[in-house]
N, C-alpha and C. Protein backbone atom coordinates (compact mmCIF):
# COMPACT_ATOMS: atom_id res chain seq x y z
N MET A 1 -30.43 65.06 -35.06
CA MET A 1 -29.89 64.50 -33.96
C MET A 1 -28.63 63.66 -34.42
N ARG A 2 -27.35 63.87 -33.83
CA ARG A 2 -26.38 63.14 -34.23
C ARG A 2 -26.28 61.68 -33.27
N ARG A 3 -25.93 60.76 -33.91
CA ARG A 3 -25.73 59.33 -33.20
C ARG A 3 -24.36 59.34 -32.45
N ARG A 4 -24.37 58.93 -31.31
CA ARG A 4 -23.02 58.73 -30.76
C ARG A 4 -22.30 57.25 -31.08
N ARG A 5 -21.13 57.58 -31.70
CA ARG A 5 -20.38 56.49 -32.08
C ARG A 5 -19.84 55.98 -30.92
N THR A 6 -19.82 54.43 -30.69
CA THR A 6 -18.97 53.95 -29.72
C THR A 6 -17.65 53.31 -30.41
N ASN A 7 -16.70 53.46 -29.48
CA ASN A 7 -15.28 53.12 -29.71
C ASN A 7 -15.28 51.49 -29.93
N PRO A 8 -14.69 51.00 -31.03
CA PRO A 8 -14.54 49.75 -31.42
C PRO A 8 -13.75 48.81 -30.27
N ALA A 9 -12.89 49.37 -29.48
CA ALA A 9 -12.17 48.89 -28.38
C ALA A 9 -13.09 48.67 -27.48
N THR A 10 -13.77 49.76 -27.07
CA THR A 10 -14.93 49.30 -25.77
C THR A 10 -15.82 48.33 -26.11
N LYS A 11 -16.37 48.24 -27.45
CA LYS A 11 -17.48 47.22 -27.69
C LYS A 11 -16.92 45.82 -27.66
N ARG A 12 -15.50 45.65 -28.00
CA ARG A 12 -14.89 44.43 -28.00
C ARG A 12 -14.67 43.90 -26.41
N LEU A 13 -14.36 44.93 -25.58
CA LEU A 13 -13.92 44.72 -24.19
C LEU A 13 -15.41 44.36 -23.58
N ALA A 14 -16.60 44.88 -23.90
CA ALA A 14 -17.75 44.50 -23.47
C ALA A 14 -18.13 43.07 -23.74
N GLN A 15 -17.87 42.85 -25.13
CA GLN A 15 -18.23 41.54 -25.59
C GLN A 15 -17.48 40.47 -24.74
N TYR A 16 -16.20 40.65 -24.66
CA TYR A 16 -15.29 39.74 -23.93
C TYR A 16 -15.67 39.53 -22.36
N GLY A 17 -16.02 40.64 -21.94
CA GLY A 17 -16.59 40.60 -20.47
C GLY A 17 -17.96 39.73 -20.57
N ILE A 18 -18.79 39.94 -21.38
CA ILE A 18 -19.89 39.07 -21.27
C ILE A 18 -19.69 37.55 -21.53
N VAL A 19 -18.78 37.22 -22.41
CA VAL A 19 -18.28 35.96 -22.76
C VAL A 19 -17.61 35.30 -21.31
N GLY A 20 -16.80 36.18 -20.81
CA GLY A 20 -16.05 35.68 -19.64
C GLY A 20 -16.98 35.43 -18.57
N LEU A 21 -18.15 36.30 -18.28
CA LEU A 21 -19.19 35.89 -17.26
C LEU A 21 -19.83 34.55 -17.59
N ALA A 22 -20.01 34.45 -18.90
CA ALA A 22 -20.93 33.18 -19.46
C ALA A 22 -19.90 31.96 -19.05
N ILE A 23 -18.67 32.08 -19.22
CA ILE A 23 -17.74 30.87 -18.91
C ILE A 23 -17.88 30.74 -17.35
N ALA A 24 -17.59 31.71 -16.67
CA ALA A 24 -17.62 31.69 -15.13
C ALA A 24 -18.69 30.94 -14.77
N ALA A 25 -20.19 31.40 -15.15
CA ALA A 25 -21.19 31.08 -14.76
C ALA A 25 -21.35 29.19 -14.96
N SER A 26 -20.89 28.92 -16.25
CA SER A 26 -21.17 27.67 -16.70
C SER A 26 -20.06 26.68 -15.87
N VAL A 27 -18.71 27.19 -15.45
CA VAL A 27 -17.88 26.60 -14.56
C VAL A 27 -18.57 26.23 -13.27
N ILE A 28 -19.05 27.35 -12.60
CA ILE A 28 -19.70 27.32 -11.32
C ILE A 28 -20.79 26.40 -11.29
N ALA A 29 -21.56 26.31 -12.43
CA ALA A 29 -22.75 25.52 -12.38
C ALA A 29 -22.26 24.01 -12.68
N GLY A 30 -21.19 23.73 -13.48
CA GLY A 30 -20.73 22.45 -13.68
C GLY A 30 -20.10 21.94 -12.63
N LEU A 31 -19.50 22.53 -11.67
CA LEU A 31 -18.77 22.09 -10.36
C LEU A 31 -19.75 21.64 -9.27
N GLN A 32 -20.95 22.26 -9.33
CA GLN A 32 -22.24 21.95 -8.47
C GLN A 32 -22.72 20.82 -8.76
N ILE A 33 -22.75 20.32 -9.95
CA ILE A 33 -23.42 19.19 -10.51
C ILE A 33 -22.53 17.78 -10.56
N ILE A 34 -21.14 18.08 -10.24
CA ILE A 34 -20.09 16.95 -10.30
C ILE A 34 -20.53 15.95 -9.20
N PRO A 35 -20.46 14.64 -9.45
CA PRO A 35 -20.75 13.71 -8.48
C PRO A 35 -19.65 13.77 -7.45
N PRO A 36 -19.86 13.40 -6.05
CA PRO A 36 -18.65 13.58 -5.01
C PRO A 36 -17.75 12.83 -5.22
N ASN A 37 -17.89 11.46 -6.08
CA ASN A 37 -16.89 10.62 -6.01
C ASN A 37 -16.10 10.89 -7.31
N PHE A 38 -16.38 11.95 -8.24
CA PHE A 38 -15.56 12.17 -9.45
C PHE A 38 -14.15 12.30 -9.14
N LEU A 39 -13.68 13.25 -8.20
CA LEU A 39 -12.22 13.54 -7.96
C LEU A 39 -11.97 12.36 -6.83
N PRO A 40 -10.56 11.83 -7.02
CA PRO A 40 -10.26 10.76 -6.08
C PRO A 40 -10.19 11.31 -4.58
N SER A 41 -10.68 10.56 -3.64
CA SER A 41 -10.96 10.73 -2.21
C SER A 41 -9.68 9.80 -1.49
N THR A 42 -9.65 9.94 -0.33
CA THR A 42 -8.67 9.11 0.43
C THR A 42 -9.40 8.18 1.27
N GLY A 43 -8.68 6.90 1.54
CA GLY A 43 -9.21 5.90 2.50
C GLY A 43 -7.90 5.70 3.39
N ILE A 44 -8.09 4.67 4.51
CA ILE A 44 -7.09 4.30 5.34
C ILE A 44 -6.46 2.94 4.77
N LEU A 45 -5.35 2.81 4.67
CA LEU A 45 -4.68 1.59 4.52
C LEU A 45 -3.87 1.16 5.51
N GLN A 46 -4.15 -0.19 6.16
CA GLN A 46 -3.48 -0.76 7.22
C GLN A 46 -2.82 -2.09 6.87
N ILE A 47 -1.60 -2.13 7.22
CA ILE A 47 -0.86 -3.42 6.67
C ILE A 47 -0.42 -4.04 8.09
N SER A 48 -0.81 -5.40 8.14
CA SER A 48 -0.56 -6.11 9.32
C SER A 48 0.26 -7.46 9.03
N ILE A 49 0.75 -8.03 10.14
CA ILE A 49 1.38 -9.49 9.84
C ILE A 49 0.89 -10.32 10.94
N GLN A 50 0.73 -11.72 10.52
CA GLN A 50 0.66 -12.81 11.25
C GLN A 50 1.45 -13.75 11.21
N SER A 51 1.38 -14.68 12.35
CA SER A 51 2.31 -15.99 12.11
C SER A 51 1.77 -16.85 11.28
N ASP A 52 2.67 -17.78 10.66
CA ASP A 52 2.33 -18.98 9.86
C ASP A 52 2.11 -19.96 10.86
N PRO A 53 0.95 -20.72 10.95
CA PRO A 53 0.71 -21.65 12.03
C PRO A 53 1.45 -22.87 11.81
N VAL A 54 2.02 -23.11 10.85
CA VAL A 54 2.68 -24.45 10.43
C VAL A 54 4.19 -24.24 11.16
N ILE A 55 4.48 -25.27 11.99
CA ILE A 55 6.00 -25.17 12.50
C ILE A 55 6.83 -25.98 11.26
N VAL A 56 8.12 -25.18 10.96
CA VAL A 56 8.87 -25.95 9.74
C VAL A 56 9.86 -26.86 10.35
N SER A 57 9.91 -27.97 9.86
CA SER A 57 10.95 -28.73 10.24
C SER A 57 11.89 -29.11 9.09
N CYS A 58 13.17 -29.40 9.39
CA CYS A 58 14.01 -29.51 8.23
C CYS A 58 14.95 -30.66 8.69
N HIS A 59 15.03 -31.70 7.74
CA HIS A 59 15.94 -32.94 8.07
C HIS A 59 17.10 -32.87 7.33
N GLY A 60 18.40 -32.38 8.13
CA GLY A 60 19.67 -32.53 7.67
C GLY A 60 20.43 -33.63 7.37
N MET A 61 21.76 -33.44 7.27
CA MET A 61 22.51 -34.56 7.25
C MET A 61 22.64 -35.49 8.51
N ASN A 62 22.72 -36.70 8.55
CA ASN A 62 23.02 -37.65 9.67
C ASN A 62 21.62 -37.69 10.37
N ALA A 63 20.62 -37.39 9.61
CA ALA A 63 19.09 -37.48 10.11
C ALA A 63 18.79 -36.42 11.30
N GLU A 64 19.52 -35.37 11.12
CA GLU A 64 19.29 -34.20 12.10
C GLU A 64 17.94 -33.73 11.93
N ASN A 65 17.07 -33.39 12.92
CA ASN A 65 15.81 -32.83 12.79
C ASN A 65 15.78 -31.51 13.69
N VAL A 66 15.66 -30.37 12.87
CA VAL A 66 15.61 -28.94 13.50
C VAL A 66 14.22 -28.45 13.16
N THR A 67 13.65 -28.16 14.46
CA THR A 67 12.12 -27.64 14.26
C THR A 67 12.47 -26.10 14.91
N LEU A 68 11.78 -25.32 13.90
CA LEU A 68 11.76 -23.89 14.20
C LEU A 68 10.72 -23.41 15.41
N THR A 69 11.07 -22.85 16.45
CA THR A 69 10.22 -22.33 17.31
C THR A 69 10.00 -20.80 17.39
N SER A 70 10.87 -20.23 16.89
CA SER A 70 11.13 -18.61 16.73
C SER A 70 11.62 -18.15 15.46
N LEU A 71 11.09 -17.18 15.11
CA LEU A 71 11.41 -16.47 13.69
C LEU A 71 11.65 -15.06 14.08
N VAL A 72 12.71 -14.48 14.35
CA VAL A 72 13.06 -13.14 14.49
C VAL A 72 13.48 -12.30 13.26
N VAL A 73 12.48 -11.43 12.84
CA VAL A 73 12.85 -10.58 11.53
C VAL A 73 12.91 -9.16 11.87
N ASN A 74 13.94 -8.73 11.34
CA ASN A 74 14.36 -7.14 11.50
C ASN A 74 13.74 -6.54 10.25
N ILE A 75 12.86 -6.03 10.49
CA ILE A 75 12.08 -5.10 9.30
C ILE A 75 12.74 -3.67 9.32
N SER A 76 13.16 -3.42 8.04
CA SER A 76 13.66 -2.10 8.13
C SER A 76 12.41 -1.06 7.19
N SER A 77 11.43 -1.40 6.59
CA SER A 77 10.55 -0.55 5.96
C SER A 77 9.40 -1.33 5.47
N VAL A 78 8.20 -0.82 5.26
CA VAL A 78 7.01 -1.31 4.62
C VAL A 78 6.72 -0.36 3.71
N ARG A 79 6.62 -0.81 2.29
CA ARG A 79 6.19 -0.04 1.28
C ARG A 79 4.98 -0.75 0.33
N VAL A 80 4.28 0.03 -0.21
CA VAL A 80 3.29 -0.56 -1.14
C VAL A 80 3.44 0.19 -2.62
N HIS A 81 2.94 -0.53 -3.58
CA HIS A 81 2.89 0.19 -4.83
C HIS A 81 1.38 0.12 -5.05
N ARG A 82 1.08 1.56 -5.27
CA ARG A 82 -0.27 1.89 -5.71
C ARG A 82 -0.64 2.53 -7.09
N SER A 83 -1.53 1.66 -7.80
CA SER A 83 -1.89 2.33 -9.11
C SER A 83 -3.14 3.28 -8.84
N GLY A 84 -2.97 4.42 -9.37
CA GLY A 84 -3.82 5.48 -8.97
C GLY A 84 -5.41 5.27 -9.67
N ALA A 85 -6.22 6.21 -9.22
CA ALA A 85 -7.43 6.04 -9.62
C ALA A 85 -7.53 5.82 -11.36
N LEU A 86 -8.36 4.85 -11.59
CA LEU A 86 -8.56 4.62 -13.18
C LEU A 86 -7.19 3.96 -13.65
N ASN A 87 -6.43 3.50 -12.81
CA ASN A 87 -4.89 3.04 -13.25
C ASN A 87 -4.13 4.20 -14.23
N LEU A 88 -4.29 5.36 -13.70
CA LEU A 88 -3.76 6.29 -14.63
C LEU A 88 -2.36 6.57 -14.05
N SER A 89 -1.84 6.36 -12.98
CA SER A 89 -0.51 6.55 -12.49
C SER A 89 -0.25 5.39 -11.36
N GLY A 90 1.06 5.33 -11.20
CA GLY A 90 1.47 4.40 -10.31
C GLY A 90 2.60 4.82 -9.51
N GLU A 91 2.77 4.64 -8.23
CA GLU A 91 3.94 5.00 -7.34
C GLU A 91 4.29 3.90 -6.09
N TRP A 92 5.32 4.14 -5.58
CA TRP A 92 5.66 3.44 -4.63
C TRP A 92 5.68 4.34 -3.34
N ILE A 93 5.00 3.82 -2.35
CA ILE A 93 4.66 4.73 -1.11
C ILE A 93 5.41 4.06 0.18
N THR A 94 6.19 4.73 0.82
CA THR A 94 6.57 4.16 2.02
C THR A 94 5.69 4.45 3.30
N LEU A 95 5.30 3.27 3.76
CA LEU A 95 4.27 3.53 4.88
C LEU A 95 4.94 3.54 6.19
N ASN A 96 5.95 2.98 6.57
CA ASN A 96 6.73 3.00 7.71
C ASN A 96 8.17 2.70 7.13
N ASP A 97 8.95 3.35 7.85
CA ASP A 97 10.72 3.29 7.64
C ASP A 97 11.30 3.15 8.90
N THR A 98 10.51 2.91 10.26
CA THR A 98 11.08 2.88 11.55
C THR A 98 11.60 1.48 11.69
N PRO A 99 12.62 1.08 11.93
CA PRO A 99 13.21 -0.32 11.99
C PRO A 99 12.30 -1.03 13.18
N ARG A 100 12.10 -2.03 12.98
CA ARG A 100 11.23 -2.91 13.97
C ARG A 100 11.61 -4.31 13.88
N THR A 101 11.82 -4.73 15.23
CA THR A 101 12.18 -6.45 15.36
C THR A 101 10.90 -7.17 15.90
N LEU A 102 10.58 -8.44 15.17
CA LEU A 102 9.32 -9.07 15.69
C LEU A 102 9.96 -10.55 15.55
N ASP A 103 9.40 -11.15 16.55
CA ASP A 103 9.45 -12.77 16.51
C ASP A 103 8.08 -13.35 15.79
N ILE A 104 7.99 -13.35 14.79
CA ILE A 104 6.73 -13.75 13.95
C ILE A 104 5.82 -14.88 14.74
N PHE A 105 6.92 -16.22 15.13
CA PHE A 105 6.16 -17.17 15.65
C PHE A 105 5.50 -16.97 17.06
N GLN A 106 6.03 -15.98 17.64
CA GLN A 106 5.42 -15.58 18.98
C GLN A 106 4.38 -14.67 19.02
N LEU A 107 3.90 -14.22 17.76
CA LEU A 107 2.66 -13.26 17.62
C LEU A 107 1.37 -14.00 17.91
N ASN A 108 0.71 -13.57 19.08
CA ASN A 108 -0.58 -14.30 19.28
C ASN A 108 -1.66 -13.91 18.56
N SER A 109 -1.58 -12.64 17.70
CA SER A 109 -2.80 -12.12 16.93
C SER A 109 -1.97 -11.41 15.96
N VAL A 110 -3.00 -10.89 14.92
CA VAL A 110 -2.46 -10.06 14.03
C VAL A 110 -1.93 -8.73 14.48
N THR A 111 -0.72 -8.29 14.07
CA THR A 111 0.04 -7.19 14.58
C THR A 111 0.28 -6.14 13.45
N GLN A 112 -0.20 -4.97 13.71
CA GLN A 112 -0.25 -3.87 12.72
C GLN A 112 1.16 -3.48 12.64
N LEU A 113 1.79 -3.22 11.27
CA LEU A 113 2.81 -2.75 10.91
C LEU A 113 2.80 -1.22 10.42
N SER A 114 1.77 -0.87 9.90
CA SER A 114 1.54 0.52 9.50
C SER A 114 0.16 0.82 9.28
N SER A 115 -0.05 2.08 9.12
CA SER A 115 -1.57 2.61 8.84
C SER A 115 -1.30 4.07 8.39
N ARG A 116 -1.93 4.25 7.27
CA ARG A 116 -1.88 5.47 6.57
C ARG A 116 -3.06 5.90 5.70
N SER A 117 -3.34 7.01 5.57
CA SER A 117 -4.25 7.69 4.50
C SER A 117 -3.71 7.77 3.34
N LEU A 118 -4.47 7.26 2.43
CA LEU A 118 -3.91 7.18 0.75
C LEU A 118 -5.04 7.41 -0.02
N PRO A 119 -4.55 8.16 -1.15
CA PRO A 119 -5.76 8.37 -2.13
C PRO A 119 -6.23 7.05 -2.75
N GLU A 120 -7.54 7.15 -3.29
CA GLU A 120 -8.23 5.88 -3.73
C GLU A 120 -7.28 5.14 -4.86
N GLY A 121 -7.15 3.92 -5.04
CA GLY A 121 -6.59 3.21 -5.92
C GLY A 121 -6.31 1.80 -5.57
N THR A 122 -5.56 1.06 -6.43
CA THR A 122 -5.38 -0.31 -6.22
C THR A 122 -3.90 -0.75 -5.65
N ILE A 123 -3.86 -1.44 -4.43
CA ILE A 123 -2.41 -1.72 -4.02
C ILE A 123 -2.17 -2.94 -4.52
N ASN A 124 -1.13 -2.98 -5.61
CA ASN A 124 -0.73 -4.02 -6.46
C ASN A 124 0.31 -4.88 -5.57
N VAL A 125 1.24 -4.10 -4.90
CA VAL A 125 2.42 -4.89 -4.27
C VAL A 125 2.37 -4.28 -2.74
N VAL A 126 2.61 -5.43 -1.75
CA VAL A 126 3.06 -4.85 -0.40
C VAL A 126 4.30 -5.53 -0.22
N ARG A 127 5.26 -4.57 0.27
CA ARG A 127 6.61 -4.89 0.21
C ARG A 127 7.28 -4.80 1.75
N ILE A 128 8.11 -5.79 2.24
CA ILE A 128 8.52 -5.52 3.61
C ILE A 128 10.03 -5.68 3.57
N ASP A 129 10.79 -4.64 3.69
CA ASP A 129 12.21 -4.80 3.47
C ASP A 129 12.85 -5.53 4.88
N VAL A 130 13.59 -6.55 4.69
CA VAL A 130 14.11 -7.32 5.82
C VAL A 130 15.48 -7.22 5.85
N ALA A 131 16.01 -6.69 6.88
CA ALA A 131 17.45 -6.44 7.20
C ALA A 131 18.16 -7.60 7.39
N SER A 132 17.59 -8.63 8.32
CA SER A 132 17.94 -9.89 8.57
C SER A 132 16.77 -10.62 9.28
N ALA A 133 17.09 -12.14 9.25
CA ALA A 133 16.15 -12.77 9.93
C ALA A 133 16.88 -13.91 10.48
N THR A 134 16.33 -14.61 11.75
CA THR A 134 17.16 -15.70 12.40
C THR A 134 15.94 -16.63 13.01
N ALA A 135 16.27 -17.74 13.24
CA ALA A 135 15.46 -18.58 13.96
C ALA A 135 16.03 -19.59 14.90
N ASN A 136 15.20 -19.67 16.08
CA ASN A 136 15.61 -20.31 17.28
C ASN A 136 16.99 -19.56 17.86
N GLY A 137 17.04 -18.23 17.66
CA GLY A 137 18.19 -17.50 18.20
C GLY A 137 19.48 -17.63 17.60
N SER A 138 19.86 -18.70 16.65
CA SER A 138 21.05 -18.69 16.27
C SER A 138 21.03 -19.09 14.76
N VAL A 139 19.92 -19.82 14.25
CA VAL A 139 19.80 -20.19 12.91
C VAL A 139 19.75 -19.11 11.90
N SER A 140 20.62 -18.57 11.01
CA SER A 140 20.51 -17.40 10.22
C SER A 140 19.64 -17.70 9.00
N LEU A 141 18.78 -17.12 8.66
CA LEU A 141 17.64 -17.59 7.54
C LEU A 141 18.23 -16.62 6.17
N ILE A 142 18.07 -17.20 5.21
CA ILE A 142 18.40 -16.54 3.93
C ILE A 142 17.08 -15.82 3.55
N VAL A 143 17.46 -14.55 3.23
CA VAL A 143 16.44 -13.71 2.52
C VAL A 143 16.96 -13.25 1.15
N PRO A 144 16.56 -13.92 0.15
CA PRO A 144 17.25 -13.67 -1.26
C PRO A 144 17.17 -12.39 -1.61
N PRO A 145 16.09 -11.56 -2.18
CA PRO A 145 16.14 -10.15 -2.42
C PRO A 145 16.27 -9.17 -1.47
N GLY A 146 16.30 -9.49 -0.10
CA GLY A 146 16.28 -8.53 0.86
C GLY A 146 14.92 -7.99 1.41
N HIS A 147 13.82 -8.49 0.63
CA HIS A 147 12.76 -8.23 1.04
C HIS A 147 11.68 -9.30 0.92
N VAL A 148 10.46 -9.24 1.49
CA VAL A 148 9.43 -10.32 1.06
C VAL A 148 8.23 -9.35 0.71
N GLN A 149 7.38 -9.94 -0.33
CA GLN A 149 6.22 -9.18 -0.61
C GLN A 149 5.17 -9.93 -1.15
N ALA A 150 3.95 -9.30 -1.23
CA ALA A 150 2.65 -10.04 -1.67
C ALA A 150 2.23 -9.15 -2.71
N GLU A 151 1.10 -9.77 -3.40
CA GLU A 151 0.42 -9.01 -4.53
C GLU A 151 -1.13 -9.05 -4.24
N PRO A 152 -1.82 -8.25 -3.46
CA PRO A 152 -3.02 -8.55 -3.01
C PRO A 152 -4.17 -8.03 -3.77
N SER A 153 -3.71 -6.93 -4.72
CA SER A 153 -4.72 -6.29 -5.61
C SER A 153 -5.82 -5.85 -4.80
N ALA A 154 -5.59 -5.13 -3.70
CA ALA A 154 -6.71 -4.69 -2.74
C ALA A 154 -6.92 -3.12 -2.91
N GLN A 155 -8.25 -2.82 -3.00
CA GLN A 155 -8.87 -1.55 -3.38
C GLN A 155 -8.86 -0.70 -2.14
N VAL A 156 -8.09 0.45 -2.16
CA VAL A 156 -8.29 1.69 -1.25
C VAL A 156 -9.50 2.56 -1.67
N ILE A 157 -10.47 2.65 -0.87
CA ILE A 157 -11.89 3.33 -1.29
C ILE A 157 -11.90 4.39 -0.37
N GLY A 158 -12.25 5.45 -0.73
CA GLY A 158 -12.57 6.91 -0.09
C GLY A 158 -13.37 6.34 0.94
N GLY A 159 -13.14 7.08 2.34
CA GLY A 159 -13.91 6.95 3.53
C GLY A 159 -14.02 5.55 4.05
N MET A 160 -13.26 4.78 3.55
CA MET A 160 -13.18 3.22 4.09
C MET A 160 -11.59 2.89 4.58
N THR A 161 -11.63 1.79 5.21
CA THR A 161 -10.47 1.16 5.78
C THR A 161 -10.35 -0.23 5.04
N THR A 162 -8.99 -0.19 4.34
CA THR A 162 -8.55 -1.31 3.81
C THR A 162 -7.52 -1.90 4.64
N SER A 163 -7.85 -3.26 5.12
CA SER A 163 -6.71 -3.75 5.78
C SER A 163 -6.03 -5.03 5.12
N ILE A 164 -4.84 -5.05 4.88
CA ILE A 164 -4.21 -6.39 4.41
C ILE A 164 -3.12 -6.93 5.38
N VAL A 165 -3.44 -8.10 5.46
CA VAL A 165 -2.56 -9.03 6.52
C VAL A 165 -1.79 -9.98 5.82
N VAL A 166 -0.46 -9.87 5.95
CA VAL A 166 0.57 -10.73 5.11
C VAL A 166 0.92 -11.85 6.15
N MET A 167 1.32 -12.89 5.74
CA MET A 167 1.89 -14.02 6.54
C MET A 167 3.17 -14.68 5.79
N PRO A 168 4.35 -14.41 6.52
CA PRO A 168 5.57 -15.01 5.93
C PRO A 168 5.74 -16.59 6.01
N HIS A 169 6.66 -17.00 5.14
CA HIS A 169 6.74 -18.49 5.12
C HIS A 169 8.08 -18.89 5.19
N VAL A 170 8.30 -19.94 5.66
CA VAL A 170 9.89 -20.31 5.75
C VAL A 170 9.86 -21.76 5.33
N VAL A 171 10.98 -21.98 4.48
CA VAL A 171 10.89 -23.47 3.77
C VAL A 171 12.56 -23.93 4.13
N CYS A 172 12.46 -25.14 4.03
CA CYS A 172 13.82 -26.03 4.40
C CYS A 172 14.71 -25.93 3.06
N THR A 173 15.98 -25.49 3.02
CA THR A 173 16.69 -25.72 1.62
C THR A 173 17.46 -26.86 1.76
N GLY A 174 17.60 -27.72 2.87
CA GLY A 174 18.48 -28.85 3.11
C GLY A 174 19.68 -28.57 3.93
N ASN A 175 20.23 -29.59 4.36
CA ASN A 175 21.55 -29.58 5.37
C ASN A 175 21.34 -28.34 6.52
N GLY A 176 20.07 -28.36 6.94
CA GLY A 176 19.75 -27.43 8.00
C GLY A 176 19.42 -26.05 7.80
N LYS A 177 19.47 -25.59 6.64
CA LYS A 177 19.40 -24.16 6.17
C LYS A 177 17.95 -23.81 5.82
N PHE A 178 17.71 -22.61 6.19
CA PHE A 178 16.36 -22.20 6.02
C PHE A 178 16.22 -20.88 5.10
N LEU A 179 15.06 -20.95 4.50
CA LEU A 179 15.04 -19.77 3.42
C LEU A 179 13.55 -19.00 4.01
N LEU A 180 13.73 -17.68 4.02
CA LEU A 180 12.41 -16.90 4.38
C LEU A 180 11.86 -16.67 2.76
N THR A 181 10.77 -17.26 2.43
CA THR A 181 10.47 -17.18 1.17
C THR A 181 10.09 -15.64 0.67
N PRO A 182 10.49 -15.13 -0.44
CA PRO A 182 10.26 -14.07 -0.75
C PRO A 182 8.69 -13.65 -1.17
N GLU A 183 7.79 -14.65 -1.33
CA GLU A 183 6.48 -14.43 -1.52
C GLU A 183 5.60 -14.51 -0.04
N LEU A 184 4.88 -13.65 0.06
CA LEU A 184 4.07 -13.63 1.32
C LEU A 184 2.54 -14.11 0.87
N THR A 185 1.91 -14.56 1.88
CA THR A 185 0.38 -14.97 1.70
C THR A 185 -0.18 -13.51 2.21
N ALA A 186 -1.20 -13.08 1.44
CA ALA A 186 -1.92 -11.89 1.66
C ALA A 186 -3.36 -12.09 1.83
N SER A 187 -4.32 -11.38 2.63
CA SER A 187 -5.69 -11.28 2.60
C SER A 187 -6.12 -9.80 2.75
N SER A 188 -6.96 -9.42 2.21
CA SER A 188 -7.44 -8.03 2.48
C SER A 188 -8.88 -7.95 2.79
N THR A 189 -9.53 -7.05 3.50
CA THR A 189 -10.82 -6.61 3.73
C THR A 189 -11.01 -5.17 3.81
N THR A 190 -12.18 -4.70 3.52
CA THR A 190 -12.34 -3.32 3.48
C THR A 190 -13.66 -3.19 4.41
N SER A 191 -13.62 -1.95 5.29
CA SER A 191 -14.57 -1.74 6.19
C SER A 191 -14.94 -0.21 6.25
N ASN A 192 -16.23 0.09 6.73
CA ASN A 192 -16.28 1.47 7.11
C ASN A 192 -15.38 1.90 8.22
N ASP A 193 -14.93 3.20 8.16
CA ASP A 193 -14.28 3.64 9.27
C ASP A 193 -14.95 3.76 10.42
């Protein structure tokens, strides 16, 4: 009896097929045992603003005393800087670019500026771009870099809501001039959705 010879090309194809099936099976098995938090998921980030409870007074020349009772801020956008999961990437994200005007001193409660779903990561900077600011209807405030910002180091966690509340501050620069300080006070909390 004569033995049948197998073609070497056919034999190689069969070996490659077996190796391919083994790789596919191990990938599928590996995906089934990956913990659910292995890949970044998303959480909700809310940015809100509240009034500084301190009334600012400025003593100018000739013993003038000006007390601020309103602080109207024209906000052009709200952005955050997020470092990605495991701090492997970083990016600026615009949360809201719809112009909005608020009288900060007249806010009775915390007022939400924006809310958005974001991948997990650390929010290093909250930046509010300010087109202009006035006090008492006629006192123009200086906004040195054109924005105010805070550095909250808040964590966006998958399936959770992270709330950052910022509070602007006004200081007197002398001679009846006021400055909207570039640094905001910020606090953050994280809660279940």
